[in-house]
C-alpha atoms as a PDB file:
ATOM      1  CA  MET A   1     -15.224   6.794   9.957  1.00  0.00           C
ATOM      2  CA  ASP A   2     -14.471   3.152   9.193  1.00  0.00           C
ATOM      3  CA  ASP A   3     -12.517   0.734  11.382  1.00  0.00           C
ATOM      4  CA  ALA A   4      -9.330   1.084   9.324  1.00  0.00           C
ATOM      5  CA  ALA A   5      -9.317   4.870   9.765  1.00  0.00           C
ATOM      6  CA  LEU A   6     -10.032   4.557  13.486  1.00  0.00           C
ATOM      7  CA  ASP A   7      -7.232   1.996  13.840  1.00  0.00           C
ATOM      8  CA  ALA A   8      -4.820   4.322  12.039  1.00  0.00           C
ATOM      9  CA  TRP A   9      -5.803   7.151  14.368  1.00  0.00           C
ATOM     10  CA  ILE A  10      -5.386   4.908  17.421  1.00  0.00           C
ATOM     11  CA  GLU A  11      -1.954   3.779  16.210  1.00  0.00           C
ATOM     12  CA  ALA A  12      -0.789   7.344  15.591  1.00  0.00           C
ATOM     13  CA  ALA A  13      -2.093   8.671  18.907  1.00  0.00           C
ATOM     14  CA  THR A  14      -0.737   5.839  21.026  1.00  0.00           C
ATOM     15  CA  ALA A  15       2.646   6.060  19.303  1.00  0.00           C
ATOM     16  CA  ALA A  16       2.795   9.827  19.849  1.00  0.00           C
ATOM     17  CA  LEU A  17       1.878   9.433  23.517  1.00  0.00           C
ATOM     18  CA  GLY A  18       3.997   6.341  24.086  1.00  0.00           C
ATOM     19  CA  ILE A  19       1.040   4.281  25.284  1.00  0.00           C
ATOM     20  CA  ALA A  20       1.044   0.495  24.908  1.00  0.00           C
ATOM     21  CA  VAL A  21      -2.313  -0.912  23.786  1.00  0.00           C
ATOM     22  CA  LYS A  22      -3.171  -4.537  24.335  1.00  0.00           C
ATOM     23  CA  PRO A  23      -4.958  -6.213  21.397  1.00  0.00           C
ATOM     24  CA  GLU A  24      -7.995  -7.006  23.561  1.00  0.00           C
ATOM     25  CA  TRP A  25      -8.460  -3.269  24.271  1.00  0.00           C
ATOM     26  CA  ARG A  26      -8.583  -2.217  20.623  1.00  0.00           C
ATOM     27  CA  GLN A  27     -12.320  -2.778  20.073  1.00  0.00           C
ATOM     28  CA  ALA A  28     -13.245  -0.823  23.219  1.00  0.00           C
ATOM     29  CA  ILE A  29     -10.960   2.046  22.198  1.00  0.00           C
ATOM     30  CA  ARG A  30     -12.399   2.042  18.680  1.00  0.00           C
ATOM     31  CA  THR A  31     -15.963   2.090  20.037  1.00  0.00           C
ATOM     32  CA  HIS A  32     -15.207   4.917  22.465  1.00  0.00           C
ATOM     33  CA  LEU A  33     -13.502   6.954  19.745  1.00  0.00           C
ATOM     34  CA  ALA A  34     -16.408   6.444  17.319  1.00  0.00           C
ATOM     35  CA  ILE A  35     -18.918   7.590  19.962  1.00  0.00           C
ATOM     36  CA  SER A  36     -16.795  10.622  20.876  1.00  0.00           C
ATOM     37  CA  LEU A  37     -16.468  11.624  17.227  1.00  0.00           C
ATOM     38  CA  GLY A  38     -20.231  11.254  16.815  1.00  0.00           C
ATOM     39  CA  HIS A  39     -20.785  13.635  19.731  1.00  0.00           C
ATOM     40  CA  ALA A  40     -18.286  16.076  18.211  1.00  0.00           C
ATOM     41  CA  GLU A  41     -20.225  16.032  14.920  1.00  0.00           C
ATOM     42  CA  THR A  42     -23.402  16.906  16.797  1.00  0.00           C
ATOM     43  CA  VAL A  43     -21.744  19.851  18.543  1.00  0.00           C
ATOM     44  CA  LEU A  44     -20.148  21.120  15.340  1.00  0.00           C
ATOM     45  CA  ALA A  45     -23.472  20.888  13.488  1.00  0.00           C
ATOM     46  CA  ALA A  46     -25.138  23.329  15.890  1.00  0.00           C
ATOM     47  CA  GLU A  47     -25.366  26.717  14.268  1.00  0.00           C
ATOM     48  CA  LEU A  48     -24.782  29.749  16.442  1.00  0.00           C
ATOM     49  CA  SER A  49     -26.097  33.182  15.652  1.00  0.00           C
ATOM     50  CA  ASP A  50     -23.614  35.929  14.933  1.00  0.00           C
ATOM     51  CA  HIS A  51     -25.182  38.090  17.632  1.00  0.00           C
ATOM     52  CA  LEU A  52     -24.012  35.763  20.415  1.00  0.00           C
ATOM     53  CA  ASP A  53     -21.033  37.008  22.371  1.00  0.00           C
ATOM     54  CA  PRO A  54     -18.454  34.745  23.968  1.00  0.00           C
ATOM     55  CA  ALA A  55     -18.542  34.341  27.720  1.00  0.00           C
ATOM     56  CA  PRO A  56     -16.378  36.774  29.648  1.00  0.00           C
ATOM     57  CA  VAL A  57     -12.933  35.654  30.716  1.00  0.00           C
ATOM     58  CA  PHE A  58     -11.983  36.360  34.298  1.00  0.00           C
ATOM     59  CA  ARG A  59      -8.331  36.523  35.218  1.00  0.00           C
ATOM     60  CA  ALA A  60      -6.921  36.546  38.723  1.00  0.00           C
END
Protein backbone atom coordinates (compact mmCIF):
# COMPACT_ATOMS: atom_id res chain seq x y z
CA MET A 1 0.00 0.00 0.00
CA ASP A 2 1.47 3.36 -0.97
CA ASP A 3 1.72 6.45 1.24
CA ALA A 4 -1.31 8.12 -0.37
CA ALA A 5 -3.52 5.11 0.39
CA LEU A 6 -2.21 4.89 3.95
CA ASP A 7 -2.83 8.62 4.44
CA ALA A 8 -6.39 8.24 3.16
CA TRP A 9 -6.96 5.37 5.57
CA ILE A 10 -5.48 7.38 8.46
CA GLU A 11 -7.69 10.37 7.59
CA ALA A 12 -10.83 8.24 7.43
CA ALA A 13 -10.10 6.36 10.66
CA THR A 14 -9.15 9.42 12.68
CA ALA A 15 -12.21 11.30 11.42
CA ALA A 16 -14.50 8.39 12.30
CA LEU A 17 -12.99 8.11 15.78
CA GLY A 18 -12.71 11.85 16.34
CA ILE A 19 -8.97 11.69 16.98
CA ALA A 20 -6.77 14.72 16.29
CA VAL A 21 -3.45 13.82 14.64
CA LYS A 22 -0.53 16.18 14.77
CA PRO A 23 1.44 16.46 11.50
CA GLU A 24 4.63 15.24 13.19
CA TRP A 25 2.87 11.97 14.15
CA ARG A 26 1.78 11.10 10.62
CA GLN A 27 4.97 9.29 9.56
CA ALA A 28 5.01 7.14 12.72
CA ILE A 29 1.34 6.25 12.24
CA ARG A 30 1.94 5.41 8.58
CA THR A 31 4.92 3.21 9.48
CA HIS A 32 3.00 1.39 12.21
CA LEU A 33 0.03 0.83 9.91
CA ALA A 34 2.25 -0.50 7.10
CA ILE A 35 3.94 -2.96 9.49
CA SER A 36 0.59 -4.10 10.92
CA LEU A 37 -0.82 -4.66 7.44
CA GLY A 38 2.30 -6.64 6.52
CA HIS A 39 1.75 -8.90 9.54
CA ALA A 40 -1.90 -9.32 8.56
CA GLU A 41 -0.85 -10.43 5.05
CA THR A 42 1.41 -13.06 6.58
CA VAL A 43 -1.39 -14.42 8.77
CA LEU A 44 -3.89 -14.44 5.91
CA ALA A 45 -1.42 -16.24 3.64
CA ALA A 46 -1.21 -19.22 6.01
CA GLU A 47 -3.30 -22.04 4.66
CA LEU A 48 -5.25 -24.12 7.14
CA SER A 49 -6.39 -27.64 6.48
CA ASP A 50 -10.09 -28.32 6.32
CA HIS A 51 -9.75 -31.02 8.97
CA LEU A 52 -8.85 -28.48 11.67
CA ASP A 53 -11.65 -27.69 14.08
CA PRO A 54 -12.08 -24.34 15.79
CA ALA A 55 -11.20 -24.11 19.46
CA PRO A 56 -14.07 -24.76 21.84
CA VAL A 57 -15.95 -21.79 23.23
CA PHE A 58 -16.58 -21.81 26.95
CA ARG A 59 -19.41 -19.74 28.34
CA ALA A 60 -20.00 -18.94 31.98
